N, C-alpha and C. Protein backbone atom coordinates (compact mmCIF):
# COMPACT_ATOMS: atom_id res chain seq x y z
N UNK A 1 0.84 -1.17 0.00
CA UNK A 1 0.00 0.00 0.00
C UNK A 1 0.88 1.24 0.00
N UNK A 2 0.62 2.18 -0.91
CA UNK A 2 1.40 3.39 -1.04
C UNK A 2 0.93 4.44 -0.04
N UNK A 3 1.89 5.07 0.65
CA UNK A 3 1.55 6.09 1.63
C UNK A 3 1.27 7.41 0.93
N UNK A 4 0.15 8.05 1.29
CA UNK A 4 -0.21 9.34 0.71
C UNK A 4 0.65 10.44 1.30
N UNK A 5 0.92 11.47 0.49
CA UNK A 5 1.67 12.62 0.96
C UNK A 5 0.78 13.46 1.86
N UNK A 6 1.34 13.91 2.99
CA UNK A 6 0.59 14.75 3.91
C UNK A 6 0.46 16.16 3.35
N UNK A 7 -0.69 16.76 3.56
CA UNK A 7 -0.95 18.12 3.11
C UNK A 7 -0.59 19.08 4.24
N UNK A 8 0.11 20.16 3.90
CA UNK A 8 0.46 21.19 4.88
C UNK A 8 -0.32 22.45 4.58
N UNK A 9 -0.77 23.12 5.64
CA UNK A 9 -1.39 24.42 5.48
C UNK A 9 -0.27 25.45 5.38
N UNK A 10 -0.25 26.23 4.30
CA UNK A 10 0.80 27.21 4.06
C UNK A 10 0.90 28.23 5.18
N UNK A 11 2.14 28.47 5.61
CA UNK A 11 2.40 29.50 6.61
C UNK A 11 2.23 29.08 8.05
N UNK A 12 1.90 27.81 8.29
CA UNK A 12 1.65 27.37 9.65
C UNK A 12 2.53 26.19 10.07
N UNK A 13 3.71 26.09 9.49
CA UNK A 13 4.62 24.99 9.85
C UNK A 13 4.95 25.00 11.34
N UNK A 14 5.07 26.19 11.93
CA UNK A 14 5.40 26.31 13.35
C UNK A 14 4.27 25.87 14.26
N UNK A 15 3.07 25.68 13.72
CA UNK A 15 1.92 25.27 14.52
C UNK A 15 1.69 23.77 14.49
N UNK A 16 2.52 23.04 13.75
CA UNK A 16 2.40 21.58 13.71
C UNK A 16 2.88 21.02 15.04
N UNK A 17 2.01 20.25 15.69
CA UNK A 17 2.38 19.69 17.00
C UNK A 17 2.44 18.18 16.98
N UNK A 18 2.17 17.59 15.82
CA UNK A 18 2.23 16.14 15.74
C UNK A 18 1.69 15.61 14.44
N UNK A 19 1.53 14.31 14.42
CA UNK A 19 1.05 13.60 13.25
C UNK A 19 0.04 12.57 13.73
N UNK A 20 -1.12 12.51 13.07
CA UNK A 20 -2.13 11.52 13.41
C UNK A 20 -1.72 10.17 12.81
N UNK A 21 -1.52 9.21 13.65
CA UNK A 21 -1.08 7.89 13.22
C UNK A 21 -2.10 7.23 12.30
N UNK A 22 -3.37 7.39 12.61
CA UNK A 22 -4.42 6.69 11.87
C UNK A 22 -4.71 7.30 10.50
N UNK A 23 -4.63 8.63 10.40
CA UNK A 23 -4.96 9.29 9.13
C UNK A 23 -3.75 9.80 8.38
N UNK A 24 -2.57 9.75 9.01
CA UNK A 24 -1.33 10.25 8.43
C UNK A 24 -1.46 11.72 8.04
N UNK A 25 -2.06 12.50 8.93
CA UNK A 25 -2.20 13.95 8.72
C UNK A 25 -1.48 14.69 9.82
N UNK A 26 -1.07 15.92 9.50
CA UNK A 26 -0.47 16.77 10.51
C UNK A 26 -1.55 17.24 11.48
N UNK A 27 -1.13 17.48 12.72
CA UNK A 27 -2.02 18.03 13.73
C UNK A 27 -1.49 19.42 14.08
N UNK A 28 -2.39 20.41 14.03
CA UNK A 28 -2.03 21.80 14.25
C UNK A 28 -2.66 22.31 15.54
N UNK A 29 -1.96 23.23 16.22
CA UNK A 29 -2.47 23.91 17.40
C UNK A 29 -3.04 25.25 16.94
N UNK A 30 -4.34 25.44 17.09
CA UNK A 30 -4.95 26.68 16.61
C UNK A 30 -4.49 27.90 17.39
N UNK A 31 -4.09 27.72 18.65
CA UNK A 31 -3.57 28.84 19.44
C UNK A 31 -2.31 29.40 18.77
N UNK A 32 -1.44 28.52 18.33
CA UNK A 32 -0.21 28.94 17.65
C UNK A 32 -0.55 29.53 16.29
N UNK A 33 -1.54 28.98 15.61
CA UNK A 33 -1.94 29.51 14.31
C UNK A 33 -2.46 30.94 14.44
N UNK A 34 -3.25 31.21 15.46
CA UNK A 34 -3.78 32.55 15.68
C UNK A 34 -2.66 33.51 16.05
N UNK A 35 -1.75 33.07 16.90
CA UNK A 35 -0.61 33.90 17.26
C UNK A 35 0.21 34.24 16.02
N UNK A 36 0.37 33.28 15.13
CA UNK A 36 1.10 33.51 13.88
C UNK A 36 0.42 34.58 13.05
N UNK A 37 -0.89 34.48 12.88
CA UNK A 37 -1.63 35.48 12.09
C UNK A 37 -1.54 36.86 12.73
N UNK A 38 -1.61 36.93 14.04
CA UNK A 38 -1.54 38.22 14.72
C UNK A 38 -0.15 38.85 14.55
N UNK A 39 0.90 38.05 14.69
CA UNK A 39 2.26 38.57 14.58
C UNK A 39 2.65 38.85 13.14
N UNK A 40 2.35 37.94 12.26
CA UNK A 40 2.78 38.06 10.87
C UNK A 40 1.95 39.05 10.08
N UNK A 41 0.63 39.03 10.29
CA UNK A 41 -0.27 39.84 9.46
C UNK A 41 -0.88 41.02 10.19
N UNK A 42 -0.54 41.19 11.46
CA UNK A 42 -1.04 42.33 12.22
C UNK A 42 -2.53 42.28 12.51
N UNK A 43 -3.11 41.09 12.55
CA UNK A 43 -4.54 40.96 12.81
C UNK A 43 -4.83 41.05 14.30
N UNK A 44 -6.05 41.48 14.62
CA UNK A 44 -6.51 41.40 16.00
C UNK A 44 -6.84 39.94 16.30
N UNK A 45 -7.07 39.64 17.57
CA UNK A 45 -7.41 38.28 17.95
C UNK A 45 -8.67 37.80 17.22
N UNK A 46 -9.72 38.62 17.26
CA UNK A 46 -10.99 38.24 16.62
C UNK A 46 -10.86 38.07 15.12
N UNK A 47 -10.13 38.99 14.48
CA UNK A 47 -9.93 38.89 13.03
C UNK A 47 -9.13 37.64 12.67
N UNK A 48 -8.11 37.34 13.48
CA UNK A 48 -7.29 36.16 13.21
C UNK A 48 -8.12 34.89 13.35
N UNK A 49 -8.95 34.82 14.39
CA UNK A 49 -9.79 33.63 14.58
C UNK A 49 -10.79 33.49 13.43
N UNK A 50 -11.41 34.60 13.03
CA UNK A 50 -12.37 34.56 11.93
C UNK A 50 -11.71 34.13 10.63
N UNK A 51 -10.54 34.69 10.34
CA UNK A 51 -9.80 34.32 9.13
C UNK A 51 -9.45 32.83 9.15
N UNK A 52 -8.92 32.39 10.28
CA UNK A 52 -8.52 30.99 10.41
C UNK A 52 -9.71 30.06 10.24
N UNK A 53 -10.79 30.38 10.89
CA UNK A 53 -11.98 29.52 10.82
C UNK A 53 -12.54 29.45 9.40
N UNK A 54 -12.66 30.60 8.74
CA UNK A 54 -13.27 30.64 7.42
C UNK A 54 -12.36 30.13 6.32
N UNK A 55 -11.08 30.51 6.35
CA UNK A 55 -10.17 30.23 5.24
C UNK A 55 -9.33 28.96 5.40
N UNK A 56 -9.21 28.46 6.62
CA UNK A 56 -8.35 27.29 6.83
C UNK A 56 -9.11 26.12 7.44
N UNK A 57 -9.71 26.32 8.59
CA UNK A 57 -10.30 25.21 9.32
C UNK A 57 -11.51 24.61 8.63
N UNK A 58 -12.30 25.40 7.96
CA UNK A 58 -13.47 24.86 7.26
C UNK A 58 -13.09 23.92 6.13
N UNK A 59 -11.87 24.00 5.66
CA UNK A 59 -11.42 23.11 4.59
C UNK A 59 -11.22 21.68 5.06
N UNK A 60 -11.20 21.47 6.40
CA UNK A 60 -11.04 20.09 6.88
C UNK A 60 -12.25 19.24 6.52
N UNK A 61 -13.36 19.86 6.18
CA UNK A 61 -14.56 19.10 5.83
C UNK A 61 -14.39 18.30 4.55
N UNK A 62 -13.43 18.69 3.72
CA UNK A 62 -13.19 17.96 2.47
C UNK A 62 -12.43 16.66 2.71
N UNK A 63 -11.81 16.55 3.88
CA UNK A 63 -11.09 15.33 4.22
C UNK A 63 -9.72 15.22 3.58
N UNK A 64 -9.18 16.30 3.03
CA UNK A 64 -7.89 16.20 2.35
C UNK A 64 -6.80 17.05 2.97
N UNK A 65 -6.98 17.44 4.22
CA UNK A 65 -5.95 18.27 4.83
C UNK A 65 -5.76 17.93 6.29
N UNK A 66 -5.10 18.82 7.03
CA UNK A 66 -4.71 18.53 8.39
C UNK A 66 -5.84 18.50 9.40
N UNK A 67 -5.52 17.98 10.53
CA UNK A 67 -6.42 18.01 11.69
C UNK A 67 -5.92 19.14 12.58
N UNK A 68 -6.78 19.58 13.49
CA UNK A 68 -6.36 20.65 14.37
C UNK A 68 -6.89 20.44 15.76
N UNK A 69 -6.22 21.07 16.71
CA UNK A 69 -6.62 21.02 18.11
C UNK A 69 -6.83 22.45 18.57
N UNK A 70 -7.98 22.72 19.18
CA UNK A 70 -8.25 24.04 19.73
C UNK A 70 -8.20 23.94 21.24
N UNK A 71 -7.21 24.60 21.86
CA UNK A 71 -7.15 24.58 23.33
C UNK A 71 -8.44 25.16 23.91
N UNK A 72 -8.96 24.56 24.96
CA UNK A 72 -10.24 24.95 25.52
C UNK A 72 -10.23 26.40 25.99
N UNK A 73 -9.12 26.91 26.50
CA UNK A 73 -9.08 28.30 26.96
C UNK A 73 -9.26 29.27 25.79
N UNK A 74 -8.84 28.89 24.61
CA UNK A 74 -8.99 29.72 23.43
C UNK A 74 -10.46 29.84 23.05
N UNK A 75 -11.18 28.76 23.10
CA UNK A 75 -12.60 28.78 22.77
C UNK A 75 -13.35 29.66 23.76
N UNK A 76 -13.05 29.52 25.03
CA UNK A 76 -13.74 30.31 26.05
C UNK A 76 -13.46 31.80 25.86
N UNK A 77 -12.24 32.19 25.58
CA UNK A 77 -11.91 33.60 25.37
C UNK A 77 -12.69 34.15 24.19
N UNK A 78 -12.77 33.41 23.12
CA UNK A 78 -13.43 33.89 21.92
C UNK A 78 -14.93 34.02 22.13
N UNK A 79 -15.53 33.10 22.83
CA UNK A 79 -16.97 33.15 23.06
C UNK A 79 -17.36 34.32 23.97
N UNK A 80 -16.48 34.73 24.86
CA UNK A 80 -16.75 35.84 25.76
C UNK A 80 -16.69 37.17 25.02
N UNK A 81 -15.76 37.29 24.06
CA UNK A 81 -15.58 38.57 23.35
C UNK A 81 -16.75 38.97 22.55
């Protein structure tokens, strides 16, 4: 059986925290991804989360890209704002 090449999300190499053994996909930390967008692109926290959710994370529904982990404290902060 031939191993499929893993897909990387552009610009978020520093947010890779592991590899899923079962799906052979990269696992990303969304906290690091948001920090990257804020530092690199000068986005606010809310803008970075919205951009990430709409332009990156929603693409996981196609089943051809990475998995991600959202730290629970990040979700709570965003819901309060």
